[in-house]
């Protein structure tokens, strides 16, 4: 019996979105077919949680859901940079 361990990676970063600093929380996962993805959550102005997943494509991390507020979608490139920076620091 073989046991493999994957390092748990979770982090939070502040991002200026929609004119306000918002805390984005990231958590690394593996989906059933083995690819890596990040679950991300953030509060909206009414303190409701917005949760979505980001998956790595050929060149960058992309948001999977489409029905998100515009201020989340426009910051996709910033979220990509934060994930890449954290992965680089974790290794």
PDB file of N, CA and C in Angstrom:
ATOM      1  N   UNK A   1       0.848  -1.180   0.000  1.00  0.00           N
ATOM      2  CA  UNK A   1       0.000   0.000   0.000  1.00  0.00           C
ATOM      3  C   UNK A   1       0.892   1.241   0.000  1.00  0.00           C
ATOM      4  N   UNK A   2       0.624   2.136  -0.905  1.00  0.00           N
ATOM      5  CA  UNK A   2       1.425   3.343  -1.057  1.00  0.00           C
ATOM      6  C   UNK A   2       0.614   4.556  -0.628  1.00  0.00           C
ATOM      7  N   UNK A   3       1.224   5.379   0.187  1.00  0.00           N
ATOM      8  CA  UNK A   3       0.573   6.612   0.632  1.00  0.00           C
ATOM      9  C   UNK A   3       1.397   7.781   0.124  1.00  0.00           C
ATOM     10  N   UNK A   4       0.735   8.706  -0.537  1.00  0.00           N
ATOM     11  CA  UNK A   4       1.418   9.910  -0.986  1.00  0.00           C
ATOM     12  C   UNK A   4       0.789  11.110  -0.295  1.00  0.00           C
ATOM     13  N   UNK A   5       1.626  12.046   0.042  1.00  0.00           N
ATOM     14  CA  UNK A   5       1.168  13.250   0.715  1.00  0.00           C
ATOM     15  C   UNK A   5       1.333  14.451  -0.197  1.00  0.00           C
ATOM     16  N   UNK A   6       0.322  15.305  -0.206  1.00  0.00           N
ATOM     17  CA  UNK A   6       0.401  16.549  -0.957  1.00  0.00           C
ATOM     18  C   UNK A   6       0.378  17.695   0.052  1.00  0.00           C
ATOM     19  N   UNK A   7       1.334  18.582  -0.062  1.00  0.00           N
ATOM     20  CA  UNK A   7       1.402  19.708   0.852  1.00  0.00           C
ATOM     21  C   UNK A   7       0.156  20.574   0.700  1.00  0.00           C
ATOM     22  N   UNK A   8      -0.467  20.876   1.838  1.00  0.00           N
ATOM     23  CA  UNK A   8      -1.644  21.735   1.839  1.00  0.00           C
ATOM     24  C   UNK A   8      -1.187  23.174   1.610  1.00  0.00           C
ATOM     25  N   UNK A   9      -1.759  23.818   0.631  1.00  0.00           N
ATOM     26  CA  UNK A   9      -1.396  25.205   0.334  1.00  0.00           C
ATOM     27  C   UNK A   9      -2.661  26.053   0.382  1.00  0.00           C
ATOM     28  N   UNK A  10      -2.666  26.983   1.313  1.00  0.00           N
ATOM     29  CA  UNK A  10      -3.756  27.952   1.386  1.00  0.00           C
ATOM     30  C   UNK A  10      -3.167  29.280   1.817  1.00  0.00           C
ATOM     31  N   UNK A  11      -3.730  30.349   1.255  1.00  0.00           N
ATOM     32  CA  UNK A  11      -3.221  31.676   1.559  1.00  0.00           C
ATOM     33  C   UNK A  11      -4.298  32.714   1.278  1.00  0.00           C
ATOM     34  N   UNK A  12      -4.118  33.890   1.847  1.00  0.00           N
ATOM     35  CA  UNK A  12      -5.034  35.016   1.649  1.00  0.00           C
ATOM     36  C   UNK A  12      -4.230  36.222   1.184  1.00  0.00           C
ATOM     37  N   UNK A  13      -4.819  36.986   0.285  1.00  0.00           N
ATOM     38  CA  UNK A  13      -4.180  38.194  -0.234  1.00  0.00           C
ATOM     39  C   UNK A  13      -5.218  39.297  -0.360  1.00  0.00           C
ATOM     40  N   UNK A  14      -4.778  40.538  -0.122  1.00  0.00           N
ATOM     41  CA  UNK A  14      -5.639  41.699  -0.317  1.00  0.00           C
ATOM     42  C   UNK A  14      -5.459  42.222  -1.735  1.00  0.00           C
ATOM     43  N   UNK A  15      -6.587  42.468  -2.400  1.00  0.00           N
ATOM     44  CA  UNK A  15      -6.582  42.972  -3.771  1.00  0.00           C
ATOM     45  C   UNK A  15      -7.565  44.133  -3.835  1.00  0.00           C
ATOM     46  N   UNK A  16      -7.148  45.210  -4.494  1.00  0.00           N
ATOM     47  CA  UNK A  16      -8.069  46.339  -4.683  1.00  0.00           C
ATOM     48  C   UNK A  16      -8.985  45.997  -5.850  1.00  0.00           C
ATOM     49  N   UNK A  17     -10.257  45.820  -5.545  1.00  0.00           N
ATOM     50  CA  UNK A  17     -11.259  45.457  -6.546  1.00  0.00           C
ATOM     51  C   UNK A  17     -12.493  46.314  -6.332  1.00  0.00           C
ATOM     52  N   UNK A  18     -12.986  46.888  -7.398  1.00  0.00           N
ATOM     53  CA  UNK A  18     -14.174  47.736  -7.340  1.00  0.00           C
ATOM     54  C   UNK A  18     -13.973  48.895  -6.366  1.00  0.00           C
ATOM     55  N   UNK A  19     -12.739  49.421  -6.301  1.00  0.00           N
ATOM     56  CA  UNK A  19     -12.442  50.572  -5.459  1.00  0.00           C
ATOM     57  C   UNK A  19     -12.270  50.269  -3.987  1.00  0.00           C
ATOM     58  N   UNK A  20     -12.269  48.989  -3.610  1.00  0.00           N
ATOM     59  CA  UNK A  20     -12.167  48.588  -2.215  1.00  0.00           C
ATOM     60  C   UNK A  20     -11.148  47.474  -2.064  1.00  0.00           C
ATOM     61  N   UNK A  21     -10.423  47.458  -0.958  1.00  0.00           N
ATOM     62  CA  UNK A  21      -9.540  46.333  -0.678  1.00  0.00           C
ATOM     63  C   UNK A  21     -10.390  45.145  -0.254  1.00  0.00           C
ATOM     64  N   UNK A  22     -10.177  44.028  -0.925  1.00  0.00           N
ATOM     65  CA  UNK A  22     -10.936  42.809  -0.617  1.00  0.00           C
ATOM     66  C   UNK A  22      -9.967  41.670  -0.352  1.00  0.00           C
ATOM     67  N   UNK A  23     -10.325  40.818   0.612  1.00  0.00           N
ATOM     68  CA  UNK A  23      -9.482  39.683   0.956  1.00  0.00           C
ATOM     69  C   UNK A  23      -9.910  38.465   0.133  1.00  0.00           C
ATOM     70  N   UNK A  24      -9.000  37.996  -0.708  1.00  0.00           N
ATOM     71  CA  UNK A  24      -9.222  36.787  -1.499  1.00  0.00           C
ATOM     72  C   UNK A  24      -8.528  35.630  -0.799  1.00  0.00           C
ATOM     73  N   UNK A  25      -9.262  34.547  -0.559  1.00  0.00           N
ATOM     74  CA  UNK A  25      -8.722  33.357   0.093  1.00  0.00           C
ATOM     75  C   UNK A  25      -8.563  32.258  -0.946  1.00  0.00           C
ATOM     76  N   UNK A  26      -7.388  31.634  -0.984  1.00  0.00           N
ATOM     77  CA  UNK A  26      -7.052  30.623  -1.977  1.00  0.00           C
ATOM     78  C   UNK A  26      -6.770  29.300  -1.280  1.00  0.00           C
ATOM     79  N   UNK A  27      -7.175  28.191  -1.915  1.00  0.00           N
ATOM     80  CA  UNK A  27      -6.855  26.860  -1.409  1.00  0.00           C
ATOM     81  C   UNK A  27      -6.601  25.929  -2.582  1.00  0.00           C
ATOM     82  N   UNK A  28      -5.470  25.236  -2.526  1.00  0.00           N
ATOM     83  CA  UNK A  28      -5.064  24.343  -3.611  1.00  0.00           C
ATOM     84  C   UNK A  28      -5.745  22.978  -3.457  1.00  0.00           C
ATOM     85  N   UNK A  29      -6.242  22.449  -4.595  1.00  0.00           N
ATOM     86  CA  UNK A  29      -6.911  21.138  -4.633  1.00  0.00           C
ATOM     87  C   UNK A  29      -6.404  20.349  -5.827  1.00  0.00           C
ATOM     88  N   UNK A  30      -6.687  19.080  -5.806  1.00  0.00           N
ATOM     89  CA  UNK A  30      -6.531  18.230  -6.998  1.00  0.00           C
ATOM     90  C   UNK A  30      -7.909  17.702  -7.353  1.00  0.00           C
ATOM     91  N   UNK A  31      -8.258  17.777  -8.635  1.00  0.00           N
ATOM     92  CA  UNK A  31      -9.542  17.218  -9.052  1.00  0.00           C
ATOM     93  C   UNK A  31      -9.360  15.714  -9.301  1.00  0.00           C
ATOM     94  N   UNK A  32     -10.437  14.972  -9.531  1.00  0.00           N
ATOM     95  CA  UNK A  32     -10.347  13.515  -9.676  1.00  0.00           C
ATOM     96  C   UNK A  32      -9.398  13.035 -10.780  1.00  0.00           C
ATOM     97  N   UNK A  33      -9.207  13.817 -11.840  1.00  0.00           N
ATOM     98  CA  UNK A  33      -8.298  13.365 -12.897  1.00  0.00           C
ATOM     99  C   UNK A  33      -6.863  13.856 -12.671  1.00  0.00           C
ATOM    100  N   UNK A  34      -6.573  14.426 -11.487  1.00  0.00           N
ATOM    101  CA  UNK A  34      -5.208  14.744 -11.099  1.00  0.00           C
ATOM    102  C   UNK A  34      -4.708  16.139 -11.382  1.00  0.00           C
ATOM    103  N   UNK A  35      -5.478  16.965 -12.066  1.00  0.00           N
ATOM    104  CA  UNK A  35      -4.989  18.321 -12.343  1.00  0.00           C
ATOM    105  C   UNK A  35      -5.199  19.214 -11.113  1.00  0.00           C
ATOM    106  N   UNK A  36      -4.370  20.244 -11.025  1.00  0.00           N
ATOM    107  CA  UNK A  36      -4.408  21.153  -9.876  1.00  0.00           C
ATOM    108  C   UNK A  36      -5.369  22.300 -10.163  1.00  0.00           C
ATOM    109  N   UNK A  37      -6.133  22.671  -9.150  1.00  0.00           N
ATOM    110  CA  UNK A  37      -6.991  23.842  -9.247  1.00  0.00           C
ATOM    111  C   UNK A  37      -6.997  24.544  -7.905  1.00  0.00           C
ATOM    112  N   UNK A  38      -7.421  25.779  -7.917  1.00  0.00           N
ATOM    113  CA  UNK A  38      -7.541  26.562  -6.694  1.00  0.00           C
ATOM    114  C   UNK A  38      -8.994  26.948  -6.493  1.00  0.00           C
ATOM    115  N   UNK A  39      -9.484  26.767  -5.264  1.00  0.00           N
ATOM    116  CA  UNK A  39     -10.776  27.339  -4.920  1.00  0.00           C
ATOM    117  C   UNK A  39     -10.479  28.708  -4.309  1.00  0.00           C
ATOM    118  N   UNK A  40     -11.276  29.681  -4.683  1.00  0.00           N
ATOM    119  CA  UNK A  40     -11.072  31.059  -4.250  1.00  0.00           C
ATOM    120  C   UNK A  40     -12.394  31.567  -3.698  1.00  0.00           C
ATOM    121  N   UNK A  41     -12.329  32.319  -2.592  1.00  0.00           N
ATOM    122  CA  UNK A  41     -13.548  32.961  -2.112  1.00  0.00           C
ATOM    123  C   UNK A  41     -13.230  34.371  -1.646  1.00  0.00           C
ATOM    124  N   UNK A  42     -14.243  35.214  -1.743  1.00  0.00           N
ATOM    125  CA  UNK A  42     -14.121  36.633  -1.405  1.00  0.00           C
ATOM    126  C   UNK A  42     -15.510  37.130  -0.998  1.00  0.00           C
ATOM    127  N   UNK A  43     -15.562  38.165  -0.184  1.00  0.00           N
ATOM    128  CA  UNK A  43     -16.847  38.753   0.216  1.00  0.00           C
ATOM    129  C   UNK A  43     -17.245  39.856  -0.749  1.00  0.00           C
ATOM    130  N   UNK A  44     -18.543  39.932  -1.030  1.00  0.00           N
ATOM    131  CA  UNK A  44     -19.043  41.045  -1.838  1.00  0.00           C
ATOM    132  C   UNK A  44     -19.398  42.206  -0.903  1.00  0.00           C
ATOM    133  N   UNK A  45     -19.866  43.345  -1.431  1.00  0.00           N
ATOM    134  CA  UNK A  45     -20.164  44.498  -0.565  1.00  0.00           C
ATOM    135  C   UNK A  45     -21.217  44.229   0.510  1.00  0.00           C
ATOM    136  N   UNK A  46     -22.060  43.219   0.325  1.00  0.00           N
ATOM    137  CA  UNK A  46     -23.085  42.878   1.318  1.00  0.00           C
ATOM    138  C   UNK A  46     -22.625  41.759   2.252  1.00  0.00           C
ATOM    139  N   UNK A  47     -21.341  41.439   2.205  1.00  0.00           N
ATOM    140  CA  UNK A  47     -20.727  40.386   3.012  1.00  0.00           C
ATOM    141  C   UNK A  47     -21.215  38.985   2.675  1.00  0.00           C
ATOM    142  N   UNK A  48     -21.729  38.790   1.473  1.00  0.00           N
ATOM    143  CA  UNK A  48     -22.024  37.442   0.978  1.00  0.00           C
ATOM    144  C   UNK A  48     -20.736  36.873   0.409  1.00  0.00           C
ATOM    145  N   UNK A  49     -20.519  35.574   0.577  1.00  0.00           N
ATOM    146  CA  UNK A  49     -19.316  34.941   0.055  1.00  0.00           C
ATOM    147  C   UNK A  49     -19.505  34.594  -1.414  1.00  0.00           C
ATOM    148  N   UNK A  50     -18.509  34.921  -2.209  1.00  0.00           N
ATOM    149  CA  UNK A  50     -18.473  34.543  -3.617  1.00  0.00           C
ATOM    150  C   UNK A  50     -17.372  33.499  -3.737  1.00  0.00           C
ATOM    151  N   UNK A  51     -17.724  32.308  -4.190  1.00  0.00           N
ATOM    152  CA  UNK A  51     -16.752  31.224  -4.310  1.00  0.00           C
ATOM    153  C   UNK A  51     -16.666  30.795  -5.771  1.00  0.00           C
ATOM    154  N   UNK A  52     -15.436  30.540  -6.223  1.00  0.00           N
ATOM    155  CA  UNK A  52     -15.223  30.089  -7.595  1.00  0.00           C
ATOM    156  C   UNK A  52     -13.928  29.307  -7.652  1.00  0.00           C
ATOM    157  N   UNK A  53     -13.692  28.658  -8.773  1.00  0.00           N
ATOM    158  CA  UNK A  53     -12.479  27.872  -8.967  1.00  0.00           C
ATOM    159  C   UNK A  53     -11.650  28.454 -10.095  1.00  0.00           C
ATOM    160  N   UNK A  54     -10.337  28.296  -9.966  1.00  0.00           N
ATOM    161  CA  UNK A  54      -9.410  28.711 -11.018  1.00  0.00           C
ATOM    162  C   UNK A  54      -8.599  27.489 -11.419  1.00  0.00           C
ATOM    163  N   UNK A  55      -8.514  27.260 -12.732  1.00  0.00           N
ATOM    164  CA  UNK A  55      -7.794  26.115 -13.279  1.00  0.00           C
ATOM    165  C   UNK A  55      -6.685  26.622 -14.190  1.00  0.00           C
ATOM    166  N   UNK A  56      -5.556  25.917 -14.174  1.00  0.00           N
ATOM    167  CA  UNK A  56      -4.432  26.319 -15.004  1.00  0.00           C
ATOM    168  C   UNK A  56      -4.651  25.839 -16.432  1.00  0.00           C
ATOM    169  N   UNK A  57      -4.579  26.791 -17.371  1.00  0.00           N
ATOM    170  CA  UNK A  57      -4.620  26.455 -18.790  1.00  0.00           C
ATOM    171  C   UNK A  57      -3.173  26.369 -19.261  1.00  0.00           C
ATOM    172  N   UNK A  58      -2.938  26.445 -20.544  1.00  0.00           N
ATOM    173  CA  UNK A  58      -1.579  26.341 -21.073  1.00  0.00           C
ATOM    174  C   UNK A  58      -0.648  27.397 -20.491  1.00  0.00           C
ATOM    175  N   UNK A  59      -1.124  28.626 -20.381  1.00  0.00           N
ATOM    176  CA  UNK A  59      -0.221  29.716 -19.990  1.00  0.00           C
ATOM    177  C   UNK A  59      -0.620  30.433 -18.713  1.00  0.00           C
ATOM    178  N   UNK A  60      -1.850  30.297 -18.250  1.00  0.00           N
ATOM    179  CA  UNK A  60      -2.255  31.079 -17.079  1.00  0.00           C
ATOM    180  C   UNK A  60      -3.382  30.394 -16.311  1.00  0.00           C
ATOM    181  N   UNK A  61      -3.664  30.940 -15.141  1.00  0.00           N
ATOM    182  CA  UNK A  61      -4.776  30.473 -14.311  1.00  0.00           C
ATOM    183  C   UNK A  61      -6.030  31.236 -14.731  1.00  0.00           C
ATOM    184  N   UNK A  62      -7.095  30.491 -15.037  1.00  0.00           N
ATOM    185  CA  UNK A  62      -8.342  31.082 -15.527  1.00  0.00           C
ATOM    186  C   UNK A  62      -9.503  30.741 -14.596  1.00  0.00           C
ATOM    187  N   UNK A  63     -10.428  31.678 -14.458  1.00  0.00           N
ATOM    188  CA  UNK A  63     -11.649  31.463 -13.684  1.00  0.00           C
ATOM    189  C   UNK A  63     -12.558  30.542 -14.471  1.00  0.00           C
ATOM    190  N   UNK A  64     -13.100  29.511 -13.799  1.00  0.00           N
ATOM    191  CA  UNK A  64     -13.972  28.551 -14.483  1.00  0.00           C
ATOM    192  C   UNK A  64     -15.410  29.047 -14.611  1.00  0.00           C
ATOM    193  N   UNK A  65     -15.950  29.700 -13.599  1.00  0.00           N
ATOM    194  CA  UNK A  65     -17.336  30.145 -13.628  1.00  0.00           C
ATOM    195  C   UNK A  65     -17.479  31.411 -14.471  1.00  0.00           C
ATOM    196  N   UNK A  66     -18.670  31.605 -14.992  1.00  0.00           N
ATOM    197  CA  UNK A  66     -18.924  32.788 -15.809  1.00  0.00           C
ATOM    198  C   UNK A  66     -19.876  33.773 -15.140  1.00  0.00           C
ATOM    199  N   UNK A  67     -20.675  33.325 -14.195  1.00  0.00           N
ATOM    200  CA  UNK A  67     -21.663  34.214 -13.567  1.00  0.00           C
ATOM    201  C   UNK A  67     -21.096  34.805 -12.274  1.00  0.00           C
ATOM    202  N   UNK A  68     -20.071  35.634 -12.444  1.00  0.00           N
ATOM    203  CA  UNK A  68     -19.433  36.295 -11.312  1.00  0.00           C
ATOM    204  C   UNK A  68     -19.524  37.795 -11.507  1.00  0.00           C
ATOM    205  N   UNK A  69     -19.396  38.560 -10.423  1.00  0.00           N
ATOM    206  CA  UNK A  69     -19.397  40.022 -10.581  1.00  0.00           C
ATOM    207  C   UNK A  69     -18.245  40.481 -11.472  1.00  0.00           C
ATOM    208  N   UNK A  70     -18.456  41.569 -12.155  1.00  0.00           N
ATOM    209  CA  UNK A  70     -17.458  42.097 -13.082  1.00  0.00           C
ATOM    210  C   UNK A  70     -16.137  42.412 -12.385  1.00  0.00           C
ATOM    211  N   UNK A  71     -16.188  42.883 -11.134  1.00  0.00           N
ATOM    212  CA  UNK A  71     -14.960  43.233 -10.422  1.00  0.00           C
ATOM    213  C   UNK A  71     -14.102  42.009 -10.118  1.00  0.00           C
ATOM    214  N   UNK A  72     -14.692  40.821 -10.084  1.00  0.00           N
ATOM    215  CA  UNK A  72     -13.908  39.587  -9.918  1.00  0.00           C
ATOM    216  C   UNK A  72     -13.261  39.229 -11.252  1.00  0.00           C
ATOM    217  N   UNK A  73     -14.039  39.251 -12.313  1.00  0.00           N
ATOM    218  CA  UNK A  73     -13.549  38.851 -13.635  1.00  0.00           C
ATOM    219  C   UNK A  73     -12.436  39.780 -14.118  1.00  0.00           C
ATOM    220  N   UNK A  74     -12.569  41.085 -13.882  1.00  0.00           N
ATOM    221  CA  UNK A  74     -11.542  42.016 -14.347  1.00  0.00           C
ATOM    222  C   UNK A  74     -10.224  41.867 -13.589  1.00  0.00           C
ATOM    223  N   UNK A  75     -10.244  41.221 -12.435  1.00  0.00           N
ATOM    224  CA  UNK A  75      -9.029  41.003 -11.656  1.00  0.00           C
ATOM    225  C   UNK A  75      -8.454  39.600 -11.835  1.00  0.00           C
ATOM    226  N   UNK A  76      -8.899  38.892 -12.864  1.00  0.00           N
ATOM    227  CA  UNK A  76      -8.404  37.533 -13.111  1.00  0.00           C
ATOM    228  C   UNK A  76      -6.885  37.516 -13.271  1.00  0.00           C
ATOM    229  N   UNK A  77      -6.326  38.487 -13.990  1.00  0.00           N
ATOM    230  CA  UNK A  77      -4.874  38.517 -14.196  1.00  0.00           C
ATOM    231  C   UNK A  77      -4.121  38.746 -12.877  1.00  0.00           C
ATOM    232  N   UNK A  78      -4.705  39.533 -11.970  1.00  0.00           N
ATOM    233  CA  UNK A  78      -4.080  39.755 -10.658  1.00  0.00           C
ATOM    234  C   UNK A  78      -4.102  38.460  -9.848  1.00  0.00           C
ATOM    235  N   UNK A  79      -5.219  37.752  -9.885  1.00  0.00           N
ATOM    236  CA  UNK A  79      -5.334  36.481  -9.164  1.00  0.00           C
ATOM    237  C   UNK A  79      -4.344  35.463  -9.722  1.00  0.00           C
ATOM    238  N   UNK A  80      -4.177  35.465 -11.050  1.00  0.00           N
ATOM    239  CA  UNK A  80      -3.185  34.591 -11.687  1.00  0.00           C
ATOM    240  C   UNK A  80      -1.791  34.880 -11.126  1.00  0.00           C
ATOM    241  N   UNK A  81      -1.423  36.145 -11.057  1.00  0.00           N
ATOM    242  CA  UNK A  81      -0.102  36.527 -10.562  1.00  0.00           C
ATOM    243  C   UNK A  81       0.090  36.123  -9.104  1.00  0.00           C
ATOM    244  N   UNK A  82      -0.950  36.265  -8.284  1.00  0.00           N
ATOM    245  CA  UNK A  82      -0.856  35.881  -6.878  1.00  0.00           C
ATOM    246  C   UNK A  82      -0.640  34.378  -6.723  1.00  0.00           C
ATOM    247  N   UNK A  83      -1.350  33.590  -7.519  1.00  0.00           N
ATOM    248  CA  UNK A  83      -1.181  32.125  -7.464  1.00  0.00           C
ATOM    249  C   UNK A  83       0.225  31.744  -7.890  1.00  0.00           C
ATOM    250  N   UNK A  84       0.693  32.305  -9.000  1.00  0.00           N
ATOM    251  CA  UNK A  84       2.038  31.978  -9.486  1.00  0.00           C
ATOM    252  C   UNK A  84       3.098  32.355  -8.454  1.00  0.00           C
ATOM    253  N   UNK A  85       2.951  33.513  -7.831  1.00  0.00           N
ATOM    254  CA  UNK A  85       3.911  33.953  -6.822  1.00  0.00           C
ATOM    255  C   UNK A  85       3.934  32.994  -5.631  1.00  0.00           C
ATOM    256  N   UNK A  86       2.769  32.584  -5.181  1.00  0.00           N
ATOM    257  CA  UNK A  86       2.685  31.682  -4.028  1.00  0.00           C
ATOM    258  C   UNK A  86       3.228  30.300  -4.350  1.00  0.00           C
ATOM    259  N   UNK A  87       2.948  29.800  -5.546  1.00  0.00           N
ATOM    260  CA  UNK A  87       3.498  28.505  -5.947  1.00  0.00           C
ATOM    261  C   UNK A  87       5.013  28.554  -6.020  1.00  0.00           C
ATOM    262  N   UNK A  88       5.539  29.651  -6.496  1.00  0.00           N
ATOM    263  CA  UNK A  88       6.992  29.814  -6.599  1.00  0.00           C
ATOM    264  C   UNK A  88       7.626  29.842  -5.208  1.00  0.00           C
ATOM    265  N   UNK A  89       6.981  30.542  -4.269  1.00  0.00           N
ATOM    266  CA  UNK A  89       7.497  30.631  -2.900  1.00  0.00           C
ATOM    267  C   UNK A  89       7.354  29.321  -2.131  1.00  0.00           C
ATOM    268  N   UNK A  90       6.355  28.526  -2.476  1.00  0.00           N
ATOM    269  CA  UNK A  90       6.103  27.269  -1.762  1.00  0.00           C
ATOM    270  C   UNK A  90       7.062  26.162  -2.159  1.00  0.00           C
ATOM    271  N   UNK A  91       7.637  26.256  -3.349  1.00  0.00           N
ATOM    272  CA  UNK A  91       8.520  25.168  -3.790  1.00  0.00           C
ATOM    273  C   UNK A  91       9.963  25.377  -3.392  1.00  0.00           C
TER     274      UNK A  91
END
